[in-house]
Amino acid sequence: MPTHKKPSTDPFAKRMPPPTSGFDFKENPTWRIFRIMSEFVDGFQFISELKKEVTFFGSARLSEGNKYYALSRELARRLSEDGFTIITGGGPGIMEAGNRGAREGKKGESIGLNIQLPKEQRENPYLSRGIGFHYFFTRKVMLSASAQAYVFFPGGFGTLDEFFEIITLIQTKKISGAVPVIAMGAEFWQPLDDWIHKFMCEWGMTSKTDPKIYRITDSVDEALKIVSQSEERHFF
């Protein structure tokens, strides 16, 4: 007697083609979802092992010899000496300086959350540990997930994107308002602050108290004091 194969109860069975069908893993939305899920799982597992994190943001294009490279390196070194873990995007420039200073401080870890890009981004040599991401949005979640302070140095569109995302999360109380956001470099950040006050605040686009979310400074000592007074956080 002929036998009949029992229909599959797997909800994905009808959507998954046989191996010989020329299936394009890169373009299939189901596999994209799996890849995103995998990045979140791996990322949260990775950062769950860290403590006393301070996240540094800034341009990948500022090399050694630039004053902000030096400031990033010095602040990271001094924070590391106090046992803080320094997290960066893992690439060159300000990120390299932060990881380099963390290694020189020796008591805190030097962590990189890298992004895969066709140009510019490469993993710097000063990481004690690191992890790579394909998607910007999963990486950004990890950069913001549990740090007890955020330090922003001058940078490009990516840095500004991260800056406004962090202060928006604090403004909307997705992150505690007690978490400090430090903008290092008045010559870079003060014109932006002036614009925010003149247009966003005066036009009623945001509260006049919202710019207090961040602190602009040129002083490593002041930044160190602010971070030292912050409280350790866990996942938001």
Foldseek 3Di string as FASTA:
>chain_A
DDDDDDDDPPPCVVVDDDPPPPDDLVPDVVNVVVQLVVLLVVLQVVCQPFWQEEEEDAAQPAAPPDVLLVLLLQLLLVVLLVQHAYEYQQFHDSLLSNLNSNVNNPNYAREHEHEDDPDRGDGHPRHPYYDYDDDPVSSLCSSQFWHLEYEYEYHDPVSVVSVVVNLVCCVVVVDPLLREYEYADCVRCVVVVVVCCVPCPVVVVDPNCSVVSYYYDNDSVVVNVSSVPTDGTHGD
